[in-house]
Amino acid sequence: MADPSARPANPGRRIVLKAGLVGVGLLAAAGVWRAVEGIGADAPATGYGYLEPNDLVIFRAIAPAMLDGALPETGRDEALAAVLSGVDTVIVNLAPETQAELRKLLDLLAIGPTRLALTGVWRGFDGTSANQVAGMLERWSGSSLSLLQRAYIGFHDIVVAAWYGDPRSWAALGYDGPPEIPDEVRRIV
């Protein structure tokens, strides 16, 4: 007769099943939270083609940390507004599949419990200091989780492309802009 107090022969399978159930529960809770908070309304913010109001809050916090020292001190608000506009332009020009993946990440970062799990930030990015955001980005870049590393690389590439694609950033780099190509050469090319 089997001893009812004996441990199962394969406890690993139980752990996987429990973890799966917990994961499903968290995703369901995040979906409910998303619906209650009105996150992911699929309506871009006024003047934007992709970014929703919650996305703007996230990028407003992340961009200065990513561009530490690159944004000018005078006219910083205007420069940050230009970065946000550039971020939107970059994202609008991404492949639809990439946009869909980015949407999932941005929605997760807008939901309190998943934001806390991914970033350590509970109250939202609008109440987060630049040092906290920089620390979060540093943890992401060195994380053993490829999801967080890819999130860091994606945000980095989008923000850097938005800023350095803007002619306002060129003077600080000593870049005069692209060379003028004579019309005779343009006709050949």
Protein backbone atom coordinates (compact mmCIF):
# COMPACT_ATOMS: atom_id res chain seq x y z
CA MET A 1 0.00 0.00 0.00
CA ALA A 2 1.31 3.45 -0.93
CA ASP A 3 2.24 5.80 1.87
CA PRO A 4 -0.06 8.87 1.56
CA SER A 5 2.55 11.08 3.27
CA ALA A 6 5.22 10.18 0.71
CA ARG A 7 6.27 12.96 -1.67
CA PRO A 8 5.44 12.48 -5.36
CA ALA A 9 8.15 10.99 -7.50
CA ASN A 10 8.33 14.05 -9.76
CA PRO A 11 7.82 17.30 -7.81
CA GLY A 12 9.16 19.30 -10.76
CA ARG A 13 5.99 18.73 -12.75
CA ARG A 14 3.86 20.11 -9.92
CA ILE A 15 6.03 23.20 -9.68
CA VAL A 16 5.67 23.82 -13.41
CA LEU A 17 1.90 23.40 -13.22
CA LYS A 18 1.64 25.75 -10.22
CA ALA A 19 3.86 28.34 -11.93
CA GLY A 20 1.71 28.08 -15.04
CA LEU A 21 -1.46 28.62 -13.06
CA VAL A 22 0.07 31.59 -11.26
CA GLY A 23 1.16 33.03 -14.63
CA VAL A 24 -2.30 32.61 -16.11
CA GLY A 25 -3.80 34.25 -13.02
CA LEU A 26 -1.41 37.21 -13.29
CA LEU A 27 -2.18 37.67 -16.98
CA ALA A 28 -5.89 37.53 -16.28
CA ALA A 29 -5.52 40.04 -13.44
CA ALA A 30 -3.46 42.30 -15.71
CA GLY A 31 -6.20 42.08 -18.37
CA VAL A 32 -8.85 43.08 -15.84
CA TRP A 33 -6.62 45.86 -14.51
CA ARG A 34 -6.03 47.05 -18.09
CA ALA A 35 -9.76 47.21 -18.75
CA VAL A 36 -10.51 49.01 -15.47
CA GLU A 37 -7.75 51.57 -16.00
CA GLY A 38 -8.69 52.12 -19.65
CA ILE A 39 -5.19 51.21 -20.83
CA GLY A 40 -4.72 50.38 -24.48
CA ALA A 41 -7.69 52.31 -25.81
CA ASP A 42 -6.09 52.08 -29.26
CA ALA A 43 -6.44 55.82 -29.70
CA PRO A 44 -3.21 57.76 -30.18
CA ALA A 45 -2.77 60.93 -28.19
CA THR A 46 -3.68 64.15 -29.98
CA GLY A 47 -1.04 64.98 -32.56
CA TYR A 48 0.51 61.50 -32.56
CA GLY A 49 0.17 58.59 -34.92
CA TYR A 50 1.01 55.74 -32.52
CA LEU A 51 1.74 56.92 -28.98
CA GLU A 52 -1.17 56.81 -26.55
CA PRO A 53 -1.32 59.10 -23.49
CA ASN A 54 0.15 56.39 -21.21
CA ASP A 55 2.98 55.83 -23.70
CA LEU A 56 3.87 59.52 -23.58
CA VAL A 57 4.26 59.32 -19.79
CA ILE A 58 6.58 56.32 -20.18
CA PHE A 59 8.74 57.89 -22.89
CA ARG A 60 8.80 61.25 -21.04
CA ALA A 61 10.48 59.41 -18.17
CA ILE A 62 12.72 57.11 -20.22
CA ALA A 63 14.02 59.56 -22.86
CA PRO A 64 15.91 61.92 -20.49
CA ALA A 65 17.53 58.94 -18.76
CA MET A 66 18.58 57.44 -22.10
CA LEU A 67 19.83 60.80 -23.38
CA ASP A 68 21.57 61.79 -20.15
CA GLY A 69 23.69 64.83 -20.91
CA ALA A 70 22.59 65.06 -24.55
CA LEU A 71 19.45 67.15 -24.06
CA PRO A 72 20.15 70.87 -23.78
CA GLU A 73 19.60 72.60 -20.45
CA THR A 74 17.99 75.61 -22.10
CA GLY A 75 14.93 74.66 -24.08
CA ARG A 76 14.88 71.21 -22.48
CA ASP A 77 11.07 70.96 -22.55
CA GLU A 78 10.99 71.80 -26.26
CA ALA A 79 13.78 69.30 -26.94
CA LEU A 80 11.91 66.60 -25.01
CA ALA A 81 8.73 67.38 -26.95
CA ALA A 82 10.75 67.00 -30.17
CA VAL A 83 12.09 63.65 -28.92
CA LEU A 84 8.55 62.42 -28.21
CA SER A 85 7.44 63.50 -31.67
CA GLY A 86 10.48 61.75 -33.13
CA VAL A 87 9.77 58.60 -31.11
CA ASP A 88 6.27 58.56 -32.56
CA THR A 89 7.66 58.99 -36.09
CA VAL A 90 10.17 56.17 -35.58
CA ILE A 91 7.49 53.82 -34.26
CA VAL A 92 4.99 54.69 -37.01
CA ASN A 93 7.64 53.63 -39.52
CA LEU A 94 8.35 50.27 -37.86
CA ALA A 95 6.96 47.02 -39.21
CA PRO A 96 3.42 46.26 -37.97
CA GLU A 97 4.69 43.17 -36.13
CA THR A 98 7.28 45.26 -34.27
CA GLN A 99 4.62 47.85 -33.44
CA ALA A 100 2.41 45.09 -32.02
CA GLU A 101 5.22 43.78 -29.80
CA LEU A 102 6.01 47.29 -28.62
CA ARG A 103 2.31 47.86 -27.86
CA LYS A 104 2.30 44.79 -25.60
CA LEU A 105 5.34 46.07 -23.71
CA LEU A 106 3.96 49.59 -23.34
CA ASP A 107 0.63 48.23 -22.10
CA LEU A 108 2.43 46.04 -19.54
CA LEU A 109 4.39 49.08 -18.33
CA ALA A 110 1.14 51.04 -17.92
CA ILE A 111 -0.37 48.42 -15.58
CA GLY A 112 0.64 48.77 -11.93
CA PRO A 113 1.33 45.11 -11.00
CA THR A 114 3.20 44.26 -14.21
CA ARG A 115 5.07 47.57 -14.12
CA LEU A 116 6.16 46.75 -10.57
CA ALA A 117 7.32 43.28 -11.62
CA LEU A 118 9.25 44.54 -14.65
CA THR A 119 10.62 47.82 -13.33
CA GLY A 120 10.23 48.03 -9.58
CA VAL A 121 8.07 51.14 -10.11
CA TRP A 122 4.56 51.02 -8.64
CA ARG A 123 3.10 54.50 -8.75
CA GLY A 124 3.75 55.18 -12.43
CA PHE A 125 6.48 56.78 -14.45
CA ASP A 126 5.18 60.31 -13.97
CA GLY A 127 6.15 60.14 -10.30
CA THR A 128 9.52 58.49 -10.86
CA SER A 129 12.85 60.28 -10.52
CA ALA A 130 15.43 60.30 -13.29
CA ASN A 131 17.78 58.28 -11.04
CA GLN A 132 15.14 55.58 -10.54
CA VAL A 133 14.51 55.35 -14.28
CA ALA A 134 18.26 55.25 -15.01
CA GLY A 135 18.65 52.44 -12.45
CA MET A 136 15.78 50.52 -14.01
CA LEU A 137 17.30 50.87 -17.47
CA GLU A 138 20.68 49.73 -16.17
CA ARG A 139 19.06 46.64 -14.61
CA TRP A 140 17.27 45.93 -17.88
CA SER A 141 20.43 46.24 -19.96
CA GLY A 142 22.30 43.76 -17.73
CA SER A 143 19.37 41.46 -16.97
CA SER A 144 19.62 37.72 -17.46
CA LEU A 145 16.09 37.85 -18.91
CA SER A 146 16.25 38.37 -22.67
CA LEU A 147 12.83 40.07 -22.57
CA LEU A 148 14.22 42.91 -20.45
CA GLN A 149 17.40 43.15 -22.52
CA ARG A 150 15.35 43.40 -25.72
CA ALA A 151 13.06 45.99 -24.11
CA TYR A 152 16.10 48.08 -23.18
CA ILE A 153 17.61 47.78 -26.67
CA GLY A 154 14.28 48.64 -28.31
CA PHE A 155 13.70 51.72 -26.16
CA HIS A 156 17.32 52.77 -26.60
CA ASP A 157 17.26 52.48 -30.38
CA ILE A 158 13.94 54.30 -30.70
CA VAL A 159 14.90 57.19 -28.38
CA VAL A 160 18.40 57.61 -29.81
CA ALA A 161 17.08 57.56 -33.39
CA ALA A 162 14.45 60.15 -32.46
CA TRP A 163 16.96 62.52 -30.86
CA TYR A 164 19.92 62.20 -33.21
CA GLY A 165 17.68 62.23 -36.25
CA ASP A 166 16.59 65.72 -35.22
CA PRO A 167 18.75 68.51 -36.70
CA ARG A 168 18.66 70.31 -33.31
CA SER A 169 20.99 67.67 -31.88
CA TRP A 170 23.59 67.95 -34.63
CA ALA A 171 25.36 71.14 -33.51
CA ALA A 172 26.37 69.59 -30.18
CA LEU A 173 28.00 66.76 -32.14
CA GLY A 174 29.82 69.08 -34.52
CA TYR A 175 27.80 67.69 -37.41
CA ASP A 176 26.79 70.21 -40.04
CA GLY A 177 24.18 67.95 -41.56
CA PRO A 178 24.15 65.85 -44.69
CA PRO A 179 26.19 67.18 -47.58
CA GLU A 180 24.49 69.05 -50.37
CA ILE A 181 24.29 66.91 -53.47
CA PRO A 182 24.33 68.89 -56.72
CA ASP A 183 21.36 68.39 -59.02
CA GLU A 184 23.66 67.00 -61.73
CA VAL A 185 24.70 64.17 -59.41
CA ARG A 186 21.13 63.53 -58.26
CA ARG A 187 20.06 62.95 -61.85
CA ILE A 188 22.78 60.35 -62.28
CA VAL A 189 21.95 58.53 -59.09
